[in-house]
Amino acid sequence: MAAFRAELQKAHHRHDLALCLLIPGIVVLWVGGLAPADPEELAKGYSALLYSLPVIEAILMPVMMAVLASRLWDMEIKGNTAKLLYTLQSRRSLFAGKAVFGVLEVLLVTVLELACVP
């Protein structure tokens, strides 16, 4: 629990919440830009959404996951403090805190994107 709280404090300084809100915003704008404007094509708009959304997710989701994963270890790598952290807490708790926090970030992005689909 202490490792998760530490990750939460670090994420607050890294502005990870802004990044988790930015990715669904980009997806909504991108899909909205692909929406048909012609009234005849608007009837097929939902099927166009179901075709374009997975393509955009296939492009953006791996990039977003890589960015979030690198930001999780960013402070430890730049400050060369990973060995110091291992002396203060167990490796298991450090990795567990980072894994839980990473899963929650991805879950937040996924829930926000699913909320924007309707």
PDB file of N, CA and C in Angstrom:
ATOM      1  N   MET A   1       0.829  -1.197   0.000  1.00  0.00           N
ATOM      2  CA  MET A   1       0.000   0.000   0.000  1.00  0.00           C
ATOM      3  C   MET A   1       0.867   1.252   0.000  1.00  0.00           C
ATOM      4  N   ALA A   2       1.968   1.212   0.722  1.00  0.00           N
ATOM      5  CA  ALA A   2       2.856   2.375   0.763  1.00  0.00           C
ATOM      6  C   ALA A   2       3.503   2.601  -0.598  1.00  0.00           C
ATOM      7  N   ALA A   3       3.822   1.513  -1.313  1.00  0.00           N
ATOM      8  CA  ALA A   3       4.420   1.654  -2.639  1.00  0.00           C
ATOM      9  C   ALA A   3       3.418   2.266  -3.612  1.00  0.00           C
ATOM     10  N   PHE A   4       2.148   1.868  -3.502  1.00  0.00           N
ATOM     11  CA  PHE A   4       1.123   2.442  -4.371  1.00  0.00           C
ATOM     12  C   PHE A   4       0.932   3.926  -4.070  1.00  0.00           C
ATOM     13  N   ARG A   5       0.943   4.287  -2.791  1.00  0.00           N
ATOM     14  CA  ARG A   5       0.804   5.698  -2.410  1.00  0.00           C
ATOM     15  C   ARG A   5       1.984   6.516  -2.937  1.00  0.00           C
ATOM     16  N   ALA A   6       3.180   5.941  -2.891  1.00  0.00           N
ATOM     17  CA  ALA A   6       4.355   6.634  -3.432  1.00  0.00           C
ATOM     18  C   ALA A   6       4.224   6.820  -4.934  1.00  0.00           C
ATOM     19  N   GLU A   7       3.713   5.794  -5.632  1.00  0.00           N
ATOM     20  CA  GLU A   7       3.505   5.920  -7.077  1.00  0.00           C
ATOM     21  C   GLU A   7       2.451   6.976  -7.391  1.00  0.00           C
ATOM     22  N   LEU A   8       1.443   7.067  -6.562  1.00  0.00           N
ATOM     23  CA  LEU A   8       0.412   8.077  -6.748  1.00  0.00           C
ATOM     24  C   LEU A   8       0.980   9.483  -6.592  1.00  0.00           C
ATOM     25  N   GLN A   9       1.844   9.667  -5.616  1.00  0.00           N
ATOM     26  CA  GLN A   9       2.471  10.976  -5.425  1.00  0.00           C
ATOM     27  C   GLN A   9       3.401  11.319  -6.585  1.00  0.00           C
ATOM     28  N   LYS A  10       4.158  10.334  -7.066  1.00  0.00           N
ATOM     29  CA  LYS A  10       5.047  10.585  -8.203  1.00  0.00           C
ATOM     30  C   LYS A  10       4.244  10.900  -9.461  1.00  0.00           C
ATOM     31  N   ALA A  11       3.121  10.195  -9.641  1.00  0.00           N
ATOM     32  CA  ALA A  11       2.281  10.434 -10.814  1.00  0.00           C
ATOM     33  C   ALA A  11       1.668  11.828 -10.774  1.00  0.00           C
ATOM     34  N   HIS A  12       1.389  12.318  -9.579  1.00  0.00           N
ATOM     35  CA  HIS A  12       0.847  13.669  -9.445  1.00  0.00           C
ATOM     36  C   HIS A  12       1.859  14.695  -9.939  1.00  0.00           C
ATOM     37  N   HIS A  13       3.128  14.495  -9.651  1.00  0.00           N
ATOM     38  CA  HIS A  13       4.160  15.426 -10.101  1.00  0.00           C
ATOM     39  C   HIS A  13       4.484  15.261 -11.583  1.00  0.00           C
ATOM     40  N   ARG A  14       4.248  14.078 -12.123  1.00  0.00           N
ATOM     41  CA  ARG A  14       4.502  13.836 -13.548  1.00  0.00           C
ATOM     42  C   ARG A  14       3.307  14.215 -14.409  1.00  0.00           C
ATOM     43  N   HIS A  15       2.175  14.528 -13.811  1.00  0.00           N
ATOM     44  CA  HIS A  15       0.935  14.884 -14.507  1.00  0.00           C
ATOM     45  C   HIS A  15       0.446  13.722 -15.376  1.00  0.00           C
ATOM     46  N   ASP A  16       0.449  12.523 -14.811  1.00  0.00           N
ATOM     47  CA  ASP A  16      -0.025  11.345 -15.535  1.00  0.00           C
ATOM     48  C   ASP A  16      -1.525  11.384 -15.785  1.00  0.00           C
ATOM     49  N   LEU A  17      -2.283  12.011 -14.911  1.00  0.00           N
ATOM     50  CA  LEU A  17      -3.724  12.102 -15.117  1.00  0.00           C
ATOM     51  C   LEU A  17      -4.034  12.908 -16.375  1.00  0.00           C
ATOM     52  N   ALA A  18      -3.269  13.955 -16.610  1.00  0.00           N
ATOM     53  CA  ALA A  18      -3.471  14.743 -17.828  1.00  0.00           C
ATOM     54  C   ALA A  18      -3.205  13.901 -19.070  1.00  0.00           C
ATOM     55  N   LEU A  19      -2.193  13.050 -19.006  1.00  0.00           N
ATOM     56  CA  LEU A  19      -1.899  12.172 -20.127  1.00  0.00           C
ATOM     57  C   LEU A  19      -3.011  11.139 -20.320  1.00  0.00           C
ATOM     58  N   CYS A  20      -3.534  10.621 -19.208  1.00  0.00           N
ATOM     59  CA  CYS A  20      -4.628   9.642 -19.297  1.00  0.00           C
ATOM     60  C   CYS A  20      -5.914  10.281 -19.827  1.00  0.00           C
ATOM     61  N   LEU A  21      -6.082  11.567 -19.668  1.00  0.00           N
ATOM     62  CA  LEU A  21      -7.239  12.270 -20.221  1.00  0.00           C
ATOM     63  C   LEU A  21      -6.991  12.716 -21.658  1.00  0.00           C
ATOM     64  N   LEU A  22      -5.730  12.927 -22.011  1.00  0.00           N
ATOM     65  CA  LEU A  22      -5.387  13.394 -23.346  1.00  0.00           C
ATOM     66  C   LEU A  22      -5.596  12.309 -24.402  1.00  0.00           C
ATOM     67  N   ILE A  23      -5.250  11.090 -24.078  1.00  0.00           N
ATOM     68  CA  ILE A  23      -5.354  10.000 -25.056  1.00  0.00           C
ATOM     69  C   ILE A  23      -6.805   9.770 -25.503  1.00  0.00           C
ATOM     70  N   PRO A  24      -7.787   9.651 -24.589  1.00  0.00           N
ATOM     71  CA  PRO A  24      -9.177   9.519 -25.072  1.00  0.00           C
ATOM     72  C   PRO A  24      -9.652  10.755 -25.825  1.00  0.00           C
ATOM     73  N   GLY A  25      -9.153  11.920 -25.456  1.00  0.00           N
ATOM     74  CA  GLY A  25      -9.507  13.138 -26.188  1.00  0.00           C
ATOM     75  C   GLY A  25      -9.019  13.090 -27.623  1.00  0.00           C
ATOM     76  N   ILE A  26      -7.805  12.589 -27.816  1.00  0.00           N
ATOM     77  CA  ILE A  26      -7.270  12.454 -29.171  1.00  0.00           C
ATOM     78  C   ILE A  26      -8.098  11.456 -29.973  1.00  0.00           C
ATOM     79  N   VAL A  27      -8.470  10.351 -29.345  1.00  0.00           N
ATOM     80  CA  VAL A  27      -9.271   9.333 -30.035  1.00  0.00           C
ATOM     81  C   VAL A  27     -10.635   9.900 -30.433  1.00  0.00           C
ATOM     82  N   VAL A  28     -11.269  10.639 -29.531  1.00  0.00           N
ATOM     83  CA  VAL A  28     -12.590  11.218 -29.828  1.00  0.00           C
ATOM     84  C   VAL A  28     -12.485  12.231 -30.964  1.00  0.00           C
ATOM     85  N   LEU A  29     -11.463  13.070 -30.939  1.00  0.00           N
ATOM     86  CA  LEU A  29     -11.297  14.046 -32.021  1.00  0.00           C
ATOM     87  C   LEU A  29     -10.987  13.370 -33.354  1.00  0.00           C
ATOM     88  N   TRP A  30     -10.165  12.341 -33.318  1.00  0.00           N
ATOM     89  CA  TRP A  30      -9.802  11.632 -34.542  1.00  0.00           C
ATOM     90  C   TRP A  30     -11.020  10.924 -35.141  1.00  0.00           C
ATOM     91  N   VAL A  31     -11.767  10.220 -34.309  1.00  0.00           N
ATOM     92  CA  VAL A  31     -12.963   9.519 -34.796  1.00  0.00           C
ATOM     93  C   VAL A  31     -14.024  10.529 -35.223  1.00  0.00           C
ATOM     94  N   GLY A  32     -14.139  11.628 -34.497  1.00  0.00           N
ATOM     95  CA  GLY A  32     -15.094  12.672 -34.874  1.00  0.00           C
ATOM     96  C   GLY A  32     -14.744  13.310 -36.200  1.00  0.00           C
ATOM     97  N   GLY A  33     -13.470  13.426 -36.488  1.00  0.00           N
ATOM     98  CA  GLY A  33     -13.049  13.972 -37.779  1.00  0.00           C
ATOM     99  C   GLY A  33     -13.328  13.042 -38.932  1.00  0.00           C
ATOM    100  N   LEU A  34     -13.413  11.747 -38.643  1.00  0.00           N
ATOM    101  CA  LEU A  34     -13.708  10.769 -39.693  1.00  0.00           C
ATOM    102  C   LEU A  34     -15.199  10.562 -39.906  1.00  0.00           C
ATOM    103  N   ALA A  35     -16.023  11.191 -39.090  1.00  0.00           N
ATOM    104  CA  ALA A  35     -17.475  11.011 -39.192  1.00  0.00           C
ATOM    105  C   ALA A  35     -17.982  11.589 -40.505  1.00  0.00           C
ATOM    106  N   PRO A  36     -18.886  10.900 -41.150  1.00  0.00           N
ATOM    107  CA  PRO A  36     -19.435  11.402 -42.417  1.00  0.00           C
ATOM    108  C   PRO A  36     -20.309  12.627 -42.196  1.00  0.00           C
ATOM    109  N   ALA A  37     -20.199  13.594 -43.073  1.00  0.00           N
ATOM    110  CA  ALA A  37     -20.968  14.836 -42.962  1.00  0.00           C
ATOM    111  C   ALA A  37     -22.227  14.796 -43.835  1.00  0.00           C
ATOM    112  N   ASP A  38     -22.224  13.974 -44.844  1.00  0.00           N
ATOM    113  CA  ASP A  38     -23.353  13.861 -45.753  1.00  0.00           C
ATOM    114  C   ASP A  38     -24.505  13.130 -45.066  1.00  0.00           C
ATOM    115  N   PRO A  39     -25.741  13.660 -45.149  1.00  0.00           N
ATOM    116  CA  PRO A  39     -26.873  12.993 -44.481  1.00  0.00           C
ATOM    117  C   PRO A  39     -27.126  11.567 -44.969  1.00  0.00           C
ATOM    118  N   GLU A  40     -26.806  11.285 -46.217  1.00  0.00           N
ATOM    119  CA  GLU A  40     -27.000   9.928 -46.726  1.00  0.00           C
ATOM    120  C   GLU A  40     -26.001   8.961 -46.103  1.00  0.00           C
ATOM    121  N   GLU A  41     -24.784   9.434 -45.890  1.00  0.00           N
ATOM    122  CA  GLU A  41     -23.755   8.585 -45.292  1.00  0.00           C
ATOM    123  C   GLU A  41     -23.878   8.532 -43.777  1.00  0.00           C
ATOM    124  N   LEU A  42     -24.617   9.460 -43.191  1.00  0.00           N
ATOM    125  CA  LEU A  42     -24.755   9.503 -41.735  1.00  0.00           C
ATOM    126  C   LEU A  42     -25.501   8.285 -41.210  1.00  0.00           C
ATOM    127  N   ALA A  43     -26.343   7.688 -42.034  1.00  0.00           N
ATOM    128  CA  ALA A  43     -27.058   6.483 -41.624  1.00  0.00           C
ATOM    129  C   ALA A  43     -26.087   5.320 -41.393  1.00  0.00           C
ATOM    130  N   LYS A  44     -24.959   5.347 -42.079  1.00  0.00           N
ATOM    131  CA  LYS A  44     -23.946   4.311 -41.909  1.00  0.00           C
ATOM    132  C   LYS A  44     -22.842   4.762 -40.944  1.00  0.00           C
ATOM    133  N   GLY A  45     -23.098   5.812 -40.217  1.00  0.00           N
ATOM    134  CA  GLY A  45     -22.072   6.378 -39.327  1.00  0.00           C
ATOM    135  C   GLY A  45     -21.664   5.447 -38.208  1.00  0.00           C
ATOM    136  N   TYR A  46     -22.609   4.681 -37.673  1.00  0.00           N
ATOM    137  CA  TYR A  46     -22.287   3.783 -36.572  1.00  0.00           C
ATOM    138  C   TYR A  46     -21.384   2.646 -37.045  1.00  0.00           C
ATOM    139  N   SER A  47     -21.642   2.130 -38.239  1.00  0.00           N
ATOM    140  CA  SER A  47     -20.765   1.076 -38.757  1.00  0.00           C
ATOM    141  C   SER A  47     -19.397   1.650 -39.102  1.00  0.00           C
ATOM    142  N   ALA A  48     -19.351   2.909 -39.559  1.00  0.00           N
ATOM    143  CA  ALA A  48     -18.063   3.555 -39.809  1.00  0.00           C
ATOM    144  C   ALA A  48     -17.292   3.727 -38.507  1.00  0.00           C
ATOM    145  N   LEU A  49     -17.996   4.025 -37.426  1.00  0.00           N
ATOM    146  CA  LEU A  49     -17.362   4.137 -36.116  1.00  0.00           C
ATOM    147  C   LEU A  49     -16.767   2.806 -35.680  1.00  0.00           C
ATOM    148  N   LEU A  50     -17.522   1.729 -35.903  1.00  0.00           N
ATOM    149  CA  LEU A  50     -17.043   0.409 -35.502  1.00  0.00           C
ATOM    150  C   LEU A  50     -15.870  -0.068 -36.353  1.00  0.00           C
ATOM    151  N   TYR A  51     -15.691   0.495 -37.541  1.00  0.00           N
ATOM    152  CA  TYR A  51     -14.530   0.151 -38.359  1.00  0.00           C
ATOM    153  C   TYR A  51     -13.332   1.037 -38.034  1.00  0.00           C
ATOM    154  N   SER A  52     -13.558   2.313 -37.766  1.00  0.00           N
ATOM    155  CA  SER A  52     -12.430   3.231 -37.563  1.00  0.00           C
ATOM    156  C   SER A  52     -11.865   3.169 -36.148  1.00  0.00           C
ATOM    157  N   LEU A  53     -12.703   2.898 -35.165  1.00  0.00           N
ATOM    158  CA  LEU A  53     -12.236   2.878 -33.780  1.00  0.00           C
ATOM    159  C   LEU A  53     -11.182   1.809 -33.508  1.00  0.00           C
ATOM    160  N   PRO A  54     -11.348   0.563 -33.960  1.00  0.00           N
ATOM    161  CA  PRO A  54     -10.285  -0.423 -33.720  1.00  0.00           C
ATOM    162  C   PRO A  54      -8.974  -0.089 -34.427  1.00  0.00           C
ATOM    163  N   VAL A  55      -9.063   0.534 -35.596  1.00  0.00           N
ATOM    164  CA  VAL A  55      -7.841   0.909 -36.308  1.00  0.00           C
ATOM    165  C   VAL A  55      -7.082   1.976 -35.531  1.00  0.00           C
ATOM    166  N   ILE A  56      -7.804   2.954 -35.034  1.00  0.00           N
ATOM    167  CA  ILE A  56      -7.162   4.017 -34.266  1.00  0.00           C
ATOM    168  C   ILE A  56      -6.610   3.471 -32.960  1.00  0.00           C
ATOM    169  N   GLU A  57      -7.349   2.562 -32.329  1.00  0.00           N
ATOM    170  CA  GLU A  57      -6.866   1.943 -31.092  1.00  0.00           C
ATOM    171  C   GLU A  57      -5.616   1.119 -31.340  1.00  0.00           C
ATOM    172  N   ALA A  58      -5.549   0.456 -32.492  1.00  0.00           N
ATOM    173  CA  ALA A  58      -4.366  -0.346 -32.817  1.00  0.00           C
ATOM    174  C   ALA A  58      -3.134   0.528 -33.002  1.00  0.00           C
ATOM    175  N   ILE A  59      -3.337   1.779 -33.366  1.00  0.00           N
ATOM    176  CA  ILE A  59      -2.222   2.701 -33.534  1.00  0.00           C
ATOM    177  C   ILE A  59      -1.865   3.373 -32.211  1.00  0.00           C
ATOM    178  N   LEU A  60      -2.859   3.899 -31.512  1.00  0.00           N
ATOM    179  CA  LEU A  60      -2.591   4.723 -30.329  1.00  0.00           C
ATOM    180  C   LEU A  60      -2.361   3.943 -29.035  1.00  0.00           C
ATOM    181  N   MET A  61      -3.042   2.824 -28.831  1.00  0.00           N
ATOM    182  CA  MET A  61      -2.950   2.132 -27.548  1.00  0.00           C
ATOM    183  C   MET A  61      -1.545   1.592 -27.258  1.00  0.00           C
ATOM    184  N   PRO A  62      -0.838   0.967 -28.210  1.00  0.00           N
ATOM    185  CA  PRO A  62       0.529   0.544 -27.892  1.00  0.00           C
ATOM    186  C   PRO A  62       1.467   1.712 -27.599  1.00  0.00           C
ATOM    187  N   VAL A  63       1.290   2.799 -28.321  1.00  0.00           N
ATOM    188  CA  VAL A  63       2.116   3.973 -28.065  1.00  0.00           C
ATOM    189  C   VAL A  63       1.819   4.541 -26.682  1.00  0.00           C
ATOM    190  N   MET A  64       0.537   4.617 -26.326  1.00  0.00           N
ATOM    191  CA  MET A  64       0.158   5.128 -25.016  1.00  0.00           C
ATOM    192  C   MET A  64       0.678   4.238 -23.901  1.00  0.00           C
ATOM    193  N   MET A  65       0.597   2.934 -24.078  1.00  0.00           N
ATOM    194  CA  MET A  65       1.101   2.021 -23.052  1.00  0.00           C
ATOM    195  C   MET A  65       2.612   2.154 -22.894  1.00  0.00           C
ATOM    196  N   ALA A  66       3.328   2.322 -23.988  1.00  0.00           N
ATOM    197  CA  ALA A  66       4.777   2.491 -23.902  1.00  0.00           C
ATOM    198  C   ALA A  66       5.139   3.795 -23.197  1.00  0.00           C
ATOM    199  N   VAL A  67       4.391   4.852 -23.483  1.00  0.00           N
ATOM    200  CA  VAL A  67       4.651   6.140 -22.823  1.00  0.00           C
ATOM    201  C   VAL A  67       4.369   6.042 -21.327  1.00  0.00           C
ATOM    202  N   LEU A  68       3.247   5.448 -20.956  1.00  0.00           N
ATOM    203  CA  LEU A  68       2.929   5.312 -19.531  1.00  0.00           C
ATOM    204  C   LEU A  68       3.920   4.409 -18.814  1.00  0.00           C
ATOM    205  N   ALA A  69       4.361   3.329 -19.462  1.00  0.00           N
ATOM    206  CA  ALA A  69       5.332   2.432 -18.835  1.00  0.00           C
ATOM    207  C   ALA A  69       6.675   3.128 -18.651  1.00  0.00           C
ATOM    208  N   SER A  70       7.087   3.925 -19.627  1.00  0.00           N
ATOM    209  CA  SER A  70       8.366   4.620 -19.470  1.00  0.00           C
ATOM    210  C   SER A  70       8.262   5.717 -18.414  1.00  0.00           C
ATOM    211  N   ARG A  71       7.083   6.325 -18.289  1.00  0.00           N
ATOM    212  CA  ARG A  71       6.916   7.355 -17.261  1.00  0.00           C
ATOM    213  C   ARG A  71       6.881   6.755 -15.859  1.00  0.00           C
ATOM    214  N   LEU A  72       6.456   5.495 -15.736  1.00  0.00           N
ATOM    215  CA  LEU A  72       6.451   4.844 -14.423  1.00  0.00           C
ATOM    216  C   LEU A  72       7.863   4.675 -13.871  1.00  0.00           C
ATOM    217  N   TRP A  73       8.824   4.409 -14.744  1.00  0.00           N
ATOM    218  CA  TRP A  73      10.207   4.198 -14.301  1.00  0.00           C
ATOM    219  C   TRP A  73      11.083   5.415 -14.558  1.00  0.00           C
ATOM    220  N   ASP A  74      10.526   6.495 -15.056  1.00  0.00           N
ATOM    221  CA  ASP A  74      11.309   7.657 -15.456  1.00  0.00           C
ATOM    222  C   ASP A  74      12.121   8.244 -14.307  1.00  0.00           C
ATOM    223  N   MET A  75      11.502   8.487 -13.174  1.00  0.00           N
ATOM    224  CA  MET A  75      12.209   9.121 -12.061  1.00  0.00           C
ATOM    225  C   MET A  75      13.321   8.235 -11.513  1.00  0.00           C
ATOM    226  N   GLU A  76      13.070   6.931 -11.455  1.00  0.00           N
ATOM    227  CA  GLU A  76      14.074   6.031 -10.916  1.00  0.00           C
ATOM    228  C   GLU A  76      15.275   5.912 -11.842  1.00  0.00           C
ATOM    229  N   ILE A  77      15.028   5.926 -13.140  1.00  0.00           N
ATOM    230  CA  ILE A  77      16.123   5.794 -14.102  1.00  0.00           C
ATOM    231  C   ILE A  77      16.930   7.081 -14.173  1.00  0.00           C
ATOM    232  N   LYS A  78      16.256   8.234 -14.254  1.00  0.00           N
ATOM    233  CA  LYS A  78      16.979   9.506 -14.341  1.00  0.00           C
ATOM    234  C   LYS A  78      17.783   9.803 -13.082  1.00  0.00           C
ATOM    235  N   GLY A  79      17.197   9.487 -11.936  1.00  0.00           N
ATOM    236  CA  GLY A  79      17.886   9.769 -10.687  1.00  0.00           C
ATOM    237  C   GLY A  79      18.789   8.648 -10.224  1.00  0.00           C
ATOM    238  N   ASN A  80      18.791   7.522 -10.948  1.00  0.00           N
ATOM    239  CA  ASN A  80      19.589   6.359 -10.599  1.00  0.00           C
ATOM    240  C   ASN A  80      19.319   5.931  -9.154  1.00  0.00           C
ATOM    241  N   THR A  81      18.032   5.877  -8.808  1.00  0.00           N
ATOM    242  CA  THR A  81      17.649   5.575  -7.431  1.00  0.00           C
ATOM    243  C   THR A  81      17.016   4.203  -7.261  1.00  0.00           C
ATOM    244  N   ALA A  82      17.054   3.369  -8.298  1.00  0.00           N
ATOM    245  CA  ALA A  82      16.428   2.053  -8.187  1.00  0.00           C
ATOM    246  C   ALA A  82      17.111   1.213  -7.109  1.00  0.00           C
ATOM    247  N   LYS A  83      18.444   1.242  -7.054  1.00  0.00           N
ATOM    248  CA  LYS A  83      19.162   0.463  -6.037  1.00  0.00           C
ATOM    249  C   LYS A  83      18.884   1.003  -4.640  1.00  0.00           C
ATOM    250  N   LEU A  84      18.732   2.315  -4.528  1.00  0.00           N
ATOM    251  CA  LEU A  84      18.404   2.906  -3.234  1.00  0.00           C
ATOM    252  C   LEU A  84      17.004   2.480  -2.790  1.00  0.00           C
ATOM    253  N   LEU A  85      16.075   2.435  -3.734  1.00  0.00           N
ATOM    254  CA  LEU A  85      14.720   1.998  -3.401  1.00  0.00           C
ATOM    255  C   LEU A  85      14.697   0.535  -2.970  1.00  0.00           C
ATOM    256  N   TYR A  86      15.555  -0.283  -3.567  1.00  0.00           N
ATOM    257  CA  TYR A  86      15.601  -1.695  -3.187  1.00  0.00           C
ATOM    258  C   TYR A  86      16.094  -1.874  -1.749  1.00  0.00           C
ATOM    259  N   THR A  87      16.878  -0.934  -1.238  1.00  0.00           N
ATOM    260  CA  THR A  87      17.323  -1.040   0.152  1.00  0.00           C
ATOM    261  C   THR A  87      16.247  -0.560   1.116  1.00  0.00           C
ATOM    262  N   LEU A  88      15.348   0.302   0.656  1.00  0.00           N
ATOM    263  CA  LEU A  88      14.301   0.833   1.521  1.00  0.00           C
ATOM    264  C   LEU A  88      13.064  -0.054   1.578  1.00  0.00           C
ATOM    265  N   GLN A  89      12.810  -0.787   0.513  1.00  0.00           N
ATOM    266  CA  GLN A  89      11.643  -1.665   0.455  1.00  0.00           C
ATOM    267  C   GLN A  89      12.002  -2.867  -0.395  1.00  0.00           C
ATOM    268  N   SER A  90      11.166  -3.874  -0.329  1.00  0.00           N
ATOM    269  CA  SER A  90      11.447  -5.077  -1.110  1.00  0.00           C
ATOM    270  C   SER A  90      11.158  -4.825  -2.584  1.00  0.00           C
ATOM    271  N   ARG A  91      11.834  -5.577  -3.411  1.00  0.00           N
ATOM    272  CA  ARG A  91      11.605  -5.453  -4.852  1.00  0.00           C
ATOM    273  C   ARG A  91      10.168  -5.830  -5.197  1.00  0.00           C
ATOM    274  N   ARG A  92       9.654  -6.807  -4.498  1.00  0.00           N
ATOM    275  CA  ARG A  92       8.294  -7.269  -4.762  1.00  0.00           C
ATOM    276  C   ARG A  92       7.279  -6.155  -4.541  1.00  0.00           C
ATOM    277  N   SER A  93       7.421  -5.408  -3.445  1.00  0.00           N
ATOM    278  CA  SER A  93       6.453  -4.338  -3.177  1.00  0.00           C
ATOM    279  C   SER A  93       6.626  -3.183  -4.158  1.00  0.00           C
ATOM    280  N   LEU A  94       7.858  -2.899  -4.559  1.00  0.00           N
ATOM    281  CA  LEU A  94       8.096  -1.829  -5.532  1.00  0.00           C
ATOM    282  C   LEU A  94       7.463  -2.185  -6.871  1.00  0.00           C
ATOM    283  N   PHE A  95       7.716  -3.399  -7.358  1.00  0.00           N
ATOM    284  CA  PHE A  95       7.150  -3.815  -8.637  1.00  0.00           C
ATOM    285  C   PHE A  95       5.641  -3.969  -8.566  1.00  0.00           C
ATOM    286  N   ALA A  96       5.137  -4.452  -7.436  1.00  0.00           N
ATOM    287  CA  ALA A  96       3.685  -4.597  -7.280  1.00  0.00           C
ATOM    288  C   ALA A  96       2.998  -3.236  -7.307  1.00  0.00           C
ATOM    289  N   GLY A  97       3.575  -2.241  -6.628  1.00  0.00           N
ATOM    290  CA  GLY A  97       3.002  -0.894  -6.638  1.00  0.00           C
ATOM    291  C   GLY A  97       2.988  -0.300  -8.029  1.00  0.00           C
ATOM    292  N   LYS A  98       4.096  -0.487  -8.763  1.00  0.00           N
ATOM    293  CA  LYS A  98       4.161   0.039 -10.128  1.00  0.00           C
ATOM    294  C   LYS A  98       3.202  -0.704 -11.057  1.00  0.00           C
ATOM    295  N   ALA A  99       3.082  -2.021 -10.887  1.00  0.00           N
ATOM    296  CA  ALA A  99       2.189  -2.805 -11.743  1.00  0.00           C
ATOM    297  C   ALA A  99       0.727  -2.436 -11.502  1.00  0.00           C
ATOM    298  N   VAL A 100       0.343  -2.307 -10.246  1.00  0.00           N
ATOM    299  CA  VAL A 100      -1.042  -1.945  -9.928  1.00  0.00           C
ATOM    300  C   VAL A 100      -1.357  -0.549 -10.456  1.00  0.00           C
ATOM    301  N   PHE A 101      -0.419   0.374 -10.284  1.00  0.00           N
ATOM    302  CA  PHE A 101      -0.658   1.735 -10.754  1.00  0.00           C
ATOM    303  C   PHE A 101      -0.742   1.780 -12.277  1.00  0.00           C
ATOM    304  N   GLY A 102       0.109   1.024 -12.968  1.00  0.00           N
ATOM    305  CA  GLY A 102       0.058   0.977 -14.433  1.00  0.00           C
ATOM    306  C   GLY A 102      -1.237   0.393 -14.941  1.00  0.00           C
ATOM    307  N   VAL A 103      -1.712  -0.670 -14.292  1.00  0.00           N
ATOM    308  CA  VAL A 103      -2.982  -1.281 -14.691  1.00  0.00           C
ATOM    309  C   VAL A 103      -4.135  -0.307 -14.475  1.00  0.00           C
ATOM    310  N   LEU A 104      -4.100   0.426 -13.376  1.00  0.00           N
ATOM    311  CA  LEU A 104      -5.172   1.397 -13.121  1.00  0.00           C
ATOM    312  C   LEU A 104      -5.151   2.546 -14.129  1.00  0.00           C
ATOM    313  N   GLU A 105      -3.962   2.965 -14.561  1.00  0.00           N
ATOM    314  CA  GLU A 105      -3.891   4.016 -15.584  1.00  0.00           C
ATOM    315  C   GLU A 105      -4.489   3.531 -16.897  1.00  0.00           C
ATOM    316  N   VAL A 106      -4.132   2.321 -17.319  1.00  0.00           N
ATOM    317  CA  VAL A 106      -4.671   1.764 -18.568  1.00  0.00           C
ATOM    318  C   VAL A 106      -6.174   1.551 -18.449  1.00  0.00           C
ATOM    319  N   LEU A 107      -6.627   1.092 -17.298  1.00  0.00           N
ATOM    320  CA  LEU A 107      -8.060   0.911 -17.067  1.00  0.00           C
ATOM    321  C   LEU A 107      -8.803   2.242 -17.131  1.00  0.00           C
ATOM    322  N   LEU A 108      -8.216   3.301 -16.584  1.00  0.00           N
ATOM    323  CA  LEU A 108      -8.830   4.629 -16.651  1.00  0.00           C
ATOM    324  C   LEU A 108      -8.984   5.089 -18.096  1.00  0.00           C
ATOM    325  N   VAL A 109      -7.937   4.927 -18.887  1.00  0.00           N
ATOM    326  CA  VAL A 109      -7.997   5.331 -20.297  1.00  0.00           C
ATOM    327  C   VAL A 109      -9.053   4.510 -21.033  1.00  0.00           C
ATOM    328  N   THR A 110      -9.103   3.216 -20.773  1.00  0.00           N
ATOM    329  CA  THR A 110     -10.067   2.346 -21.446  1.00  0.00           C
ATOM    330  C   THR A 110     -11.499   2.702 -21.088  1.00  0.00           C
ATOM    331  N   VAL A 111     -11.751   2.968 -19.821  1.00  0.00           N
ATOM    332  CA  VAL A 111     -13.108   3.324 -19.376  1.00  0.00           C
ATOM    333  C   VAL A 111     -13.519   4.673 -19.987  1.00  0.00           C
ATOM    334  N   LEU A 112     -12.604   5.627 -20.031  1.00  0.00           N
ATOM    335  CA  LEU A 112     -12.926   6.920 -20.631  1.00  0.00           C
ATOM    336  C   LEU A 112     -13.229   6.783 -22.128  1.00  0.00           C
ATOM    337  N   GLU A 113     -12.458   5.944 -22.818  1.00  0.00           N
ATOM    338  CA  GLU A 113     -12.727   5.749 -24.236  1.00  0.00           C
ATOM    339  C   GLU A 113     -14.057   5.044 -24.469  1.00  0.00           C
ATOM    340  N   LEU A 114     -14.361   4.055 -23.636  1.00  0.00           N
ATOM    341  CA  LEU A 114     -15.631   3.359 -23.781  1.00  0.00           C
ATOM    342  C   LEU A 114     -16.813   4.277 -23.449  1.00  0.00           C
ATOM    343  N   ALA A 115     -16.616   5.214 -22.526  1.00  0.00           N
ATOM    344  CA  ALA A 115     -17.682   6.157 -22.196  1.00  0.00           C
ATOM    345  C   ALA A 115     -17.938   7.127 -23.348  1.00  0.00           C
ATOM    346  N   CYS A 116     -16.935   7.373 -24.179  1.00  0.00           N
ATOM    347  CA  CYS A 116     -17.093   8.311 -25.290  1.00  0.00           C
ATOM    348  C   CYS A 116     -17.685   7.661 -26.538  1.00  0.00           C
ATOM    349  N   VAL A 117     -17.722   6.359 -26.606  1.00  0.00           N
ATOM    350  CA  VAL A 117     -18.202   5.673 -27.817  1.00  0.00           C
ATOM    351  C   VAL A 117     -19.680   5.974 -28.095  1.00  0.00           C
ATOM    352  N   PRO A 118     -20.588   5.923 -27.113  1.00  0.00           N
ATOM    353  CA  PRO A 118     -21.987   6.188 -27.444  1.00  0.00           C
ATOM    354  C   PRO A 118     -22.182   7.619 -27.895  1.00  0.00           C
TER     355      PRO A 118
END
